[in-house]
PDB file of N, CA and C in Angstrom:
ATOM      1  N   MET A   1      21.826   5.162  -8.839  1.00  0.00           N
ATOM      2  CA  MET A   1      20.725   4.769  -8.150  1.00  0.00           C
ATOM      3  C   MET A   1      19.842   5.398  -9.021  1.00  0.00           C
ATOM      4  N   ASP A   2      18.763   4.405  -8.737  1.00  0.00           N
ATOM      5  CA  ASP A   2      17.339   4.787  -9.806  1.00  0.00           C
ATOM      6  C   ASP A   2      16.450   5.623  -8.795  1.00  0.00           C
ATOM      7  N   LEU A   3      15.284   5.928  -9.474  1.00  0.00           N
ATOM      8  CA  LEU A   3      14.526   7.029  -8.940  1.00  0.00           C
ATOM      9  C   LEU A   3      13.242   5.770  -9.011  1.00  0.00           C
ATOM     10  N   ASP A   4      12.885   6.066  -7.452  1.00  0.00           N
ATOM     11  CA  ASP A   4      11.395   5.160  -7.351  1.00  0.00           C
ATOM     12  C   ASP A   4      10.114   5.675  -7.556  1.00  0.00           C
ATOM     13  N   PRO A   5       9.316   5.624  -8.645  1.00  0.00           N
ATOM     14  CA  PRO A   5       8.606   6.497  -9.239  1.00  0.00           C
ATOM     15  C   PRO A   5       7.360   6.588  -8.088  1.00  0.00           C
ATOM     16  N   ALA A   6       6.899   5.517  -7.243  1.00  0.00           N
ATOM     17  CA  ALA A   6       6.220   5.240  -6.001  1.00  0.00           C
ATOM     18  C   ALA A   6       6.481   6.703  -5.025  1.00  0.00           C
ATOM     19  N   LEU A   7       7.910   6.983  -4.876  1.00  0.00           N
ATOM     20  CA  LEU A   7       8.435   7.557  -3.599  1.00  0.00           C
ATOM     21  C   LEU A   7       8.829   9.120  -3.862  1.00  0.00           C
ATOM     22  N   ASP A   8       9.325   9.031  -5.429  1.00  0.00           N
ATOM     23  CA  ASP A   8      10.348  10.229  -6.078  1.00  0.00           C
ATOM     24  C   ASP A   8      11.622  10.345  -5.416  1.00  0.00           C
ATOM     25  N   THR A   9      11.805   9.258  -5.098  1.00  0.00           N
ATOM     26  CA  THR A   9      13.272   9.042  -4.351  1.00  0.00           C
ATOM     27  C   THR A   9      14.137   7.259  -4.892  1.00  0.00           C
ATOM     28  N   PRO A  10      15.508   8.384  -4.448  1.00  0.00           N
ATOM     29  CA  PRO A  10      16.189   7.265  -5.477  1.00  0.00           C
ATOM     30  C   PRO A  10      16.197   6.114  -4.631  1.00  0.00           C
ATOM     31  N   ILE A  11      16.792   4.804  -5.108  1.00  0.00           N
ATOM     32  CA  ILE A  11      16.303   3.383  -4.380  1.00  0.00           C
ATOM     33  C   ILE A  11      18.094   3.509  -4.657  1.00  0.00           C
ATOM     34  N   PRO A  12      18.535   2.883  -3.073  1.00  0.00           N
ATOM     35  CA  PRO A  12      20.155   2.752  -2.930  1.00  0.00           C
ATOM     36  C   PRO A  12      20.546   1.840  -3.591  1.00  0.00           C
ATOM     37  N   ASP A  13      21.444   1.997  -4.372  1.00  0.00           N
ATOM     38  CA  ASP A  13      21.891   0.799  -5.192  1.00  0.00           C
ATOM     39  C   ASP A  13      22.818  -0.025  -3.916  1.00  0.00           C
ATOM     40  N   ALA A  14      22.767  -0.168  -2.821  1.00  0.00           N
ATOM     41  CA  ALA A  14      23.333  -0.838  -1.779  1.00  0.00           C
ATOM     42  C   ALA A  14      22.124  -2.022  -1.800  1.00  0.00           C
ATOM     43  N   LEU A  15      20.809  -1.439  -1.298  1.00  0.00           N
ATOM     44  CA  LEU A  15      19.726  -2.302  -1.018  1.00  0.00           C
ATOM     45  C   LEU A  15      19.829  -3.526  -1.885  1.00  0.00           C
ATOM     46  N   ILE A  16      19.895  -3.002  -3.318  1.00  0.00           N
ATOM     47  CA  ILE A  16      19.695  -4.128  -4.296  1.00  0.00           C
ATOM     48  C   ILE A  16      20.755  -4.672  -4.371  1.00  0.00           C
ATOM     49  N   GLU A  17      21.873  -4.615  -4.074  1.00  0.00           N
ATOM     50  CA  GLU A  17      23.376  -5.312  -3.999  1.00  0.00           C
ATOM     51  C   GLU A  17      22.794  -6.343  -2.822  1.00  0.00           C
ATOM     52  N   ARG A  18      22.463  -5.877  -1.986  1.00  0.00           N
ATOM     53  CA  ARG A  18      22.330  -6.909  -0.580  1.00  0.00           C
ATOM     54  C   ARG A  18      21.116  -7.467  -0.810  1.00  0.00           C
ATOM     55  N   LEU A  19      20.318  -7.358  -1.409  1.00  0.00           N
ATOM     56  CA  LEU A  19      19.089  -8.685  -1.549  1.00  0.00           C
ATOM     57  C   LEU A  19      19.466  -9.869  -2.925  1.00  0.00           C
ATOM     58  N   VAL A  20      20.599  -8.805  -3.672  1.00  0.00           N
ATOM     59  CA  VAL A  20      20.666  -9.907  -4.463  1.00  0.00           C
ATOM     60  C   VAL A  20      22.071 -10.989  -3.833  1.00  0.00           C
ATOM     61  N   ARG A  21      22.786 -10.569  -3.047  1.00  0.00           N
ATOM     62  CA  ARG A  21      23.692 -11.836  -2.459  1.00  0.00           C
ATOM     63  C   ARG A  21      23.290 -12.231  -1.326  1.00  0.00           C
ATOM     64  N   VAL A  22      22.372 -11.773  -0.461  1.00  0.00           N
ATOM     65  CA  VAL A  22      21.366 -12.465   0.727  1.00  0.00           C
ATOM     66  C   VAL A  22      20.461 -13.420   0.097  1.00  0.00           C
ATOM     67  N   ARG A  23      20.047 -12.637  -0.898  1.00  0.00           N
ATOM     68  CA  ARG A  23      18.782 -13.470  -1.301  1.00  0.00           C
ATOM     69  C   ARG A  23      18.658 -14.382  -2.547  1.00  0.00           C
ATOM     70  N   GLY A  24      19.797 -14.159  -3.185  1.00  0.00           N
ATOM     71  CA  GLY A  24      19.981 -15.000  -4.479  1.00  0.00           C
ATOM     72  C   GLY A  24      19.098 -14.376  -5.406  1.00  0.00           C
ATOM     73  N   LEU A  25      18.555 -13.226  -5.351  1.00  0.00           N
ATOM     74  CA  LEU A  25      17.758 -12.581  -6.599  1.00  0.00           C
ATOM     75  C   LEU A  25      18.123 -12.228  -7.904  1.00  0.00           C
ATOM     76  N   SER A  26      18.331 -12.006  -8.584  1.00  0.00           N
ATOM     77  CA  SER A  26      18.654 -11.108  -9.975  1.00  0.00           C
ATOM     78  C   SER A  26      18.365  -9.481  -9.716  1.00  0.00           C
ATOM     79  N   PRO A  27      19.168  -8.839 -10.576  1.00  0.00           N
ATOM     80  CA  PRO A  27      19.067  -7.518  -9.759  1.00  0.00           C
ATOM     81  C   PRO A  27      17.852  -6.981 -10.519  1.00  0.00           C
ATOM     82  N   SER A  28      17.135  -7.573 -11.629  1.00  0.00           N
ATOM     83  CA  SER A  28      16.083  -6.888 -11.748  1.00  0.00           C
ATOM     84  C   SER A  28      14.846  -7.049 -11.096  1.00  0.00           C
ATOM     85  N   SER A  29      14.954  -8.306 -10.315  1.00  0.00           N
ATOM     86  CA  SER A  29      13.853  -8.900  -9.611  1.00  0.00           C
ATOM     87  C   SER A  29      13.693  -8.534  -8.109  1.00  0.00           C
ATOM     88  N   ALA A  30      15.176  -8.042  -7.580  1.00  0.00           N
ATOM     89  CA  ALA A  30      15.484  -7.295  -6.518  1.00  0.00           C
ATOM     90  C   ALA A  30      14.990  -5.805  -6.755  1.00  0.00           C
ATOM     91  N   ARG A  31      15.057  -5.219  -7.602  1.00  0.00           N
ATOM     92  CA  ARG A  31      14.558  -4.157  -7.782  1.00  0.00           C
ATOM     93  C   ARG A  31      13.065  -4.039  -8.125  1.00  0.00           C
ATOM     94  N   GLN A  32      12.318  -4.879  -8.219  1.00  0.00           N
ATOM     95  CA  GLN A  32      10.772  -5.014  -8.729  1.00  0.00           C
ATOM     96  C   GLN A  32      10.442  -4.649  -7.178  1.00  0.00           C
ATOM     97  N   ILE A  33      10.983  -5.884  -6.299  1.00  0.00           N
ATOM     98  CA  ILE A  33      10.532  -6.222  -5.210  1.00  0.00           C
ATOM     99  C   ILE A  33      10.669  -5.037  -3.877  1.00  0.00           C
ATOM    100  N   VAL A  34      11.971  -4.077  -4.249  1.00  0.00           N
ATOM    101  CA  VAL A  34      11.907  -2.869  -3.457  1.00  0.00           C
ATOM    102  C   VAL A  34      10.721  -1.723  -4.005  1.00  0.00           C
ATOM    103  N   GLU A  35      10.592  -2.210  -5.414  1.00  0.00           N
ATOM    104  CA  GLU A  35       9.516  -0.900  -5.996  1.00  0.00           C
ATOM    105  C   GLU A  35       8.358  -1.317  -5.588  1.00  0.00           C
ATOM    106  N   GLU A  36       7.961  -2.598  -5.463  1.00  0.00           N
ATOM    107  CA  GLU A  36       6.458  -2.950  -5.157  1.00  0.00           C
ATOM    108  C   GLU A  36       6.333  -2.878  -3.826  1.00  0.00           C
ATOM    109  N   VAL A  37       7.295  -2.778  -2.554  1.00  0.00           N
ATOM    110  CA  VAL A  37       6.963  -2.539  -1.247  1.00  0.00           C
ATOM    111  C   VAL A  37       7.127  -0.870  -0.759  1.00  0.00           C
ATOM    112  N   ALA A  38       7.735  -0.168  -1.746  1.00  0.00           N
ATOM    113  CA  ALA A  38       7.946   1.211  -1.673  1.00  0.00           C
ATOM    114  C   ALA A  38       6.459   1.551  -2.242  1.00  0.00           C
ATOM    115  N   GLY A  39       6.089   0.955  -3.162  1.00  0.00           N
ATOM    116  CA  GLY A  39       4.707   1.438  -3.684  1.00  0.00           C
ATOM    117  C   GLY A  39       3.364   1.153  -2.574  1.00  0.00           C
ATOM    118  N   PHE A  40       3.583   0.277  -1.611  1.00  0.00           N
ATOM    119  CA  PHE A  40       2.648  -0.678  -0.645  1.00  0.00           C
ATOM    120  C   PHE A  40       2.744   0.533   0.437  1.00  0.00           C
ATOM    121  N   TYR A  41       3.705   1.381   0.924  1.00  0.00           N
ATOM    122  CA  TYR A  41       4.032   1.993   1.604  1.00  0.00           C
ATOM    123  C   TYR A  41       4.255   3.412   1.374  1.00  0.00           C
ATOM    124  N   SER A  42       3.659   3.665  -0.134  1.00  0.00           N
ATOM    125  CA  SER A  42       3.540   5.139  -0.072  1.00  0.00           C
ATOM    126  C   SER A  42       1.883   5.532  -0.598  1.00  0.00           C
ATOM    127  N   GLU A  43       1.161   4.742  -0.739  1.00  0.00           N
ATOM    128  CA  GLU A  43      -0.088   4.427  -0.621  1.00  0.00           C
ATOM    129  C   GLU A  43      -0.857   4.954  -0.070  1.00  0.00           C
ATOM    130  N   THR A  44      -1.889   6.633  -0.359  1.00  0.00           N
ATOM    131  CA  THR A  44      -2.345   7.287   0.356  1.00  0.00           C
ATOM    132  C   THR A  44      -3.590   6.496   1.099  1.00  0.00           C
ATOM    133  N   LEU A  45      -4.114   7.211   2.302  1.00  0.00           N
ATOM    134  CA  LEU A  45      -5.502   6.449   2.875  1.00  0.00           C
ATOM    135  C   LEU A  45      -6.251   6.726   2.014  1.00  0.00           C
ATOM    136  N   GLU A  46      -6.779   7.576   1.238  1.00  0.00           N
ATOM    137  CA  GLU A  46      -7.412   7.456   0.178  1.00  0.00           C
ATOM    138  C   GLU A  46      -7.881   6.532  -0.636  1.00  0.00           C
ATOM    139  N   GLU A  47      -6.299   6.203  -1.546  1.00  0.00           N
ATOM    140  CA  GLU A  47      -6.049   5.461  -2.410  1.00  0.00           C
ATOM    141  C   GLU A  47      -6.487   3.974  -1.527  1.00  0.00           C
ATOM    142  N   PHE A  48      -5.755   4.069  -0.938  1.00  0.00           N
ATOM    143  CA  PHE A  48      -6.126   2.473  -0.151  1.00  0.00           C
ATOM    144  C   PHE A  48      -7.202   2.205   0.520  1.00  0.00           C
ATOM    145  N   VAL A  49      -8.620   3.372   0.852  1.00  0.00           N
ATOM    146  CA  VAL A  49      -9.972   2.734   1.406  1.00  0.00           C
ATOM    147  C   VAL A  49     -10.626   2.403  -0.087  1.00  0.00           C
ATOM    148  N   ILE A  50     -10.116   2.914  -1.298  1.00  0.00           N
ATOM    149  CA  ILE A  50     -10.960   2.777  -2.849  1.00  0.00           C
ATOM    150  C   ILE A  50     -10.404   1.428  -3.311  1.00  0.00           C
ATOM    151  N   ARG A  51      -9.263   1.399  -3.104  1.00  0.00           N
ATOM    152  CA  ARG A  51      -8.925  -0.088  -3.901  1.00  0.00           C
ATOM    153  C   ARG A  51      -9.590  -1.486  -2.715  1.00  0.00           C
ATOM    154  N   ARG A  52      -9.586  -1.120  -1.288  1.00  0.00           N
ATOM    155  CA  ARG A  52      -9.715  -2.311  -0.382  1.00  0.00           C
ATOM    156  C   ARG A  52     -11.554  -2.140  -0.591  1.00  0.00           C
ATOM    157  N   HIS A  53     -12.166  -1.160  -0.751  1.00  0.00           N
ATOM    158  CA  HIS A  53     -13.163  -0.917  -0.752  1.00  0.00           C
ATOM    159  C   HIS A  53     -13.706  -1.693  -2.778  1.00  0.00           C
ATOM    160  N   LEU A  54     -13.023  -1.711  -3.470  1.00  0.00           N
ATOM    161  CA  LEU A  54     -13.371  -2.187  -4.752  1.00  0.00           C
ATOM    162  C   LEU A  54     -12.920  -3.958  -4.307  1.00  0.00           C
ATOM    163  N   GLU A  55     -11.821  -4.057  -3.841  1.00  0.00           N
ATOM    164  CA  GLU A  55     -11.436  -5.782  -3.910  1.00  0.00           C
ATOM    165  C   GLU A  55     -12.846  -6.144  -3.164  1.00  0.00           C
ATOM    166  N   LEU A  56     -12.686  -5.587  -1.495  1.00  0.00           N
ATOM    167  CA  LEU A  56     -13.946  -6.503  -0.992  1.00  0.00           C
ATOM    168  C   LEU A  56     -15.161  -6.673  -1.667  1.00  0.00           C
ATOM    169  N   ARG A  57     -15.596  -5.287  -2.243  1.00  0.00           N
ATOM    170  CA  ARG A  57     -16.693  -5.688  -3.025  1.00  0.00           C
ATOM    171  C   ARG A  57     -17.112  -6.461  -3.793  1.00  0.00           C
ATOM    172  N   ALA A  58     -15.552  -6.754  -4.570  1.00  0.00           N
ATOM    173  CA  ALA A  58     -15.670  -7.924  -5.994  1.00  0.00           C
ATOM    174  C   ALA A  58     -15.760  -9.136  -4.853  1.00  0.00           C
ATOM    175  N   GLN A  59     -15.519  -9.491  -3.608  1.00  0.00           N
ATOM    176  CA  GLN A  59     -15.634 -10.675  -3.109  1.00  0.00           C
ATOM    177  C   GLN A  59     -17.220 -10.663  -2.254  1.00  0.00           C
ATOM    178  N   GLY A  60     -17.706 -10.058  -2.869  1.00  0.00           N
ATOM    179  CA  GLY A  60     -19.327 -10.029  -2.463  1.00  0.00           C
ATOM    180  C   GLY A  60     -20.048  -9.617  -1.346  1.00  0.00           C
ATOM    181  N   LYS A  61     -18.536  -8.898  -0.366  1.00  0.00           N
ATOM    182  CA  LYS A  61     -18.882  -8.201   0.480  1.00  0.00           C
ATOM    183  C   LYS A  61     -19.464  -7.063   0.625  1.00  0.00           C
ATOM    184  N   ARG A  62     -21.050  -6.557   1.658  1.00  0.00           N
ATOM    185  CA  ARG A  62     -21.629  -5.430   1.860  1.00  0.00           C
ATOM    186  C   ARG A  62     -20.824  -4.643   2.396  1.00  0.00           C
ATOM    187  N   ASN A  63     -21.225  -3.450   2.079  1.00  0.00           N
ATOM    188  CA  ASN A  63     -20.337  -1.815   2.789  1.00  0.00           C
ATOM    189  C   ASN A  63     -20.363  -1.916   4.084  1.00  0.00           C
ATOM    190  N   ALA A  64     -21.751  -2.568   5.023  1.00  0.00           N
ATOM    191  CA  ALA A  64     -21.166  -2.051   6.584  1.00  0.00           C
ATOM    192  C   ALA A  64     -20.287  -3.022   7.140  1.00  0.00           C
ATOM    193  N   GLU A  65     -19.944  -4.296   6.262  1.00  0.00           N
ATOM    194  CA  GLU A  65     -18.785  -5.060   6.629  1.00  0.00           C
ATOM    195  C   GLU A  65     -17.745  -4.695   6.176  1.00  0.00           C
ATOM    196  N   ILE A  66     -17.551  -4.249   4.903  1.00  0.00           N
ATOM    197  CA  ILE A  66     -16.672  -3.464   4.439  1.00  0.00           C
ATOM    198  C   ILE A  66     -15.581  -2.003   4.831  1.00  0.00           C
ATOM    199  N   TYR A  67     -16.792  -1.492   5.803  1.00  0.00           N
ATOM    200  CA  TYR A  67     -16.564  -0.599   6.035  1.00  0.00           C
ATOM    201  C   TYR A  67     -15.901  -0.941   7.476  1.00  0.00           C
ATOM    202  N   ARG A  68     -16.221  -1.724   8.355  1.00  0.00           N
ATOM    203  CA  ARG A  68     -15.261  -2.160   9.693  1.00  0.00           C
ATOM    204  C   ARG A  68     -14.542  -2.969   9.138  1.00  0.00           C
ATOM    205  N   GLN A  69     -14.162  -3.653   8.325  1.00  0.00           N
ATOM    206  CA  GLN A  69     -12.891  -4.381   7.905  1.00  0.00           C
ATOM    207  C   GLN A  69     -12.088  -3.248   7.744  1.00  0.00           C
ATOM    208  N   VAL A  70     -11.965  -2.221   6.615  1.00  0.00           N
ATOM    209  CA  VAL A  70     -11.079  -1.671   6.309  1.00  0.00           C
ATOM    210  C   VAL A  70     -10.632  -0.629   7.100  1.00  0.00           C
ATOM    211  N   ARG A  71     -11.644  -0.424   8.228  1.00  0.00           N
ATOM    212  CA  ARG A  71     -10.892   0.498   9.447  1.00  0.00           C
ATOM    213  C   ARG A  71     -10.143  -0.225  10.430  1.00  0.00           C
ATOM    214  N   GLU A  72     -10.204  -1.344  10.420  1.00  0.00           N
ATOM    215  CA  GLU A  72      -9.500  -2.449  10.823  1.00  0.00           C
ATOM    216  C   GLU A  72      -8.085  -2.758  10.163  1.00  0.00           C
ATOM    217  N   GLU A  73      -8.260  -2.553   9.221  1.00  0.00           N
ATOM    218  CA  GLU A  73      -6.805  -2.433   8.574  1.00  0.00           C
ATOM    219  C   GLU A  73      -6.287  -1.731   8.779  1.00  0.00           C
ATOM    220  N   ILE A  74      -6.759  -0.489   8.437  1.00  0.00           N
ATOM    221  CA  ILE A  74      -6.412   0.738   8.312  1.00  0.00           C
ATOM    222  C   ILE A  74      -5.583   0.869  10.185  1.00  0.00           C
ATOM    223  N   ARG A  75      -6.114   0.600  11.011  1.00  0.00           N
ATOM    224  CA  ARG A  75      -5.658   1.045  12.613  1.00  0.00           C
ATOM    225  C   ARG A  75      -4.306  -0.117  12.375  1.00  0.00           C
ATOM    226  N   ARG A  76      -4.519  -1.095  11.597  1.00  0.00           N
ATOM    227  CA  ARG A  76      -2.738  -2.166  11.521  1.00  0.00           C
ATOM    228  C   ARG A  76      -1.413  -1.714  10.405  1.00  0.00           C
ATOM    229  N   ARG A  77      -2.211  -0.417   9.417  1.00  0.00           N
ATOM    230  CA  ARG A  77      -1.260   0.333   9.031  1.00  0.00           C
ATOM    231  C   ARG A  77      -0.676   1.447   9.373  1.00  0.00           C
ATOM    232  N   ARG A  78       0.298   1.986   8.741  1.00  0.00           N
ATOM    233  CA  ARG A  78       0.833   3.408   8.938  1.00  0.00           C
ATOM    234  C   ARG A  78       0.154   4.385   8.038  1.00  0.00           C
ATOM    235  N   PHE A  79      -0.439   5.124   8.777  1.00  0.00           N
ATOM    236  CA  PHE A  79      -0.755   6.480   7.799  1.00  0.00           C
ATOM    237  C   PHE A  79      -0.689   7.628   8.748  1.00  0.00           C
ATOM    238  N   ARG A  80      -0.388   8.740   7.925  1.00  0.00           N
ATOM    239  CA  ARG A  80      -0.325   9.959   8.541  1.00  0.00           C
ATOM    240  C   ARG A  80      -1.409  10.424   9.441  1.00  0.00           C
ATOM    241  N   SER A  81      -2.334  10.119   8.595  1.00  0.00           N
ATOM    242  CA  SER A  81      -4.018  10.752   9.200  1.00  0.00           C
ATOM    243  C   SER A  81      -4.250   9.668  10.285  1.00  0.00           C
ATOM    244  N   PRO A  82      -5.392  10.613  11.079  1.00  0.00           N
ATOM    245  CA  PRO A  82      -5.509   9.797  12.042  1.00  0.00           C
ATOM    246  C   PRO A  82      -6.882   8.554  11.647  1.00  0.00           C
ATOM    247  N   LEU A  83      -7.403   7.601  12.447  1.00  0.00           N
ATOM    248  CA  LEU A  83      -7.782   6.586  12.421  1.00  0.00           C
ATOM    249  C   LEU A  83      -8.997   7.255  11.730  1.00  0.00           C
ATOM    250  N   PRO A  84      -9.746   6.769  10.648  1.00  0.00           N
ATOM    251  CA  PRO A  84     -10.693   7.655   9.891  1.00  0.00           C
ATOM    252  C   PRO A  84     -12.582   6.844  10.838  1.00  0.00           C
ATOM    253  N   SER A  85     -13.365   7.334  10.661  1.00  0.00           N
ATOM    254  CA  SER A  85     -14.587   6.921  11.193  1.00  0.00           C
ATOM    255  C   SER A  85     -15.196   6.064  10.064  1.00  0.00           C
ATOM    256  N   GLU A  86     -15.990   4.969  10.300  1.00  0.00           N
ATOM    257  CA  GLU A  86     -16.616   4.513   9.197  1.00  0.00           C
ATOM    258  C   GLU A  86     -17.442   5.498   8.399  1.00  0.00           C
ATOM    259  N   ARG A  87     -18.132   6.716   9.139  1.00  0.00           N
ATOM    260  CA  ARG A  87     -18.584   7.533   8.442  1.00  0.00           C
ATOM    261  C   ARG A  87     -17.666   8.055   7.078  1.00  0.00           C
ATOM    262  N   ARG A  88     -16.261   8.000   7.444  1.00  0.00           N
ATOM    263  CA  ARG A  88     -15.175   8.720   7.026  1.00  0.00           C
ATOM    264  C   ARG A  88     -14.790   7.836   5.764  1.00  0.00           C
ATOM    265  N   ILE A  89     -15.182   7.323   5.920  1.00  0.00           N
ATOM    266  CA  ILE A  89     -14.670   6.231   5.070  1.00  0.00           C
ATOM    267  C   ILE A  89     -15.678   5.929   4.062  1.00  0.00           C
ATOM    268  N   ARG A  90     -17.020   5.729   4.549  1.00  0.00           N
ATOM    269  CA  ARG A  90     -17.996   5.988   2.954  1.00  0.00           C
ATOM    270  C   ARG A  90     -17.585   7.175   2.299  1.00  0.00           C
ATOM    271  N   ARG A  91     -17.380   7.936   2.782  1.00  0.00           N
ATOM    272  CA  ARG A  91     -17.497   9.809   2.533  1.00  0.00           C
ATOM    273  C   ARG A  91     -16.151   9.581   1.362  1.00  0.00           C
ATOM    274  N   ILE A  92     -15.167   8.849   1.876  1.00  0.00           N
ATOM    275  CA  ILE A  92     -13.960   8.758   0.843  1.00  0.00           C
ATOM    276  C   ILE A  92     -14.584   7.967  -0.620  1.00  0.00           C
ATOM    277  N   VAL A  93     -15.284   6.658  -0.589  1.00  0.00           N
ATOM    278  CA  VAL A  93     -15.483   5.935  -1.097  1.00  0.00           C
ATOM    279  C   VAL A  93     -16.242   6.647  -2.154  1.00  0.00           C
ATOM    280  N   TYR A  94     -17.324   6.936  -1.763  1.00  0.00           N
ATOM    281  CA  TYR A  94     -18.641   8.066  -2.367  1.00  0.00           C
ATOM    282  C   TYR A  94     -18.669   9.280  -2.748  1.00  0.00           C
ATOM    283  N   GLY A  95     -17.487  10.463  -2.140  1.00  0.00           N
ATOM    284  CA  GLY A  95     -17.593  11.369  -2.231  1.00  0.00           C
ATOM    285  C   GLY A  95     -18.289  12.503  -1.390  1.00  0.00           C
TER     286      GLY A  95
END
């Protein structure tokens, strides 16, 4: 069992073996996929808000639209904290 750096927990060998067997992936590809999914789910609310803000700004969107969109995306994801207001999202981005 290797340690997943995103979660600081072991990646079960049985999971990698199953992906190799069921999906025909190489062991290294299967491990990369598991690490990517684990990283996706280990992202904190703050990391998510900052990342999405940067991505949406790069697409030319304005802050008011970004705050609404990020809030809606948060609603559909699983975070331990409650759904933040647009004001809270703005404070995460700008401090």
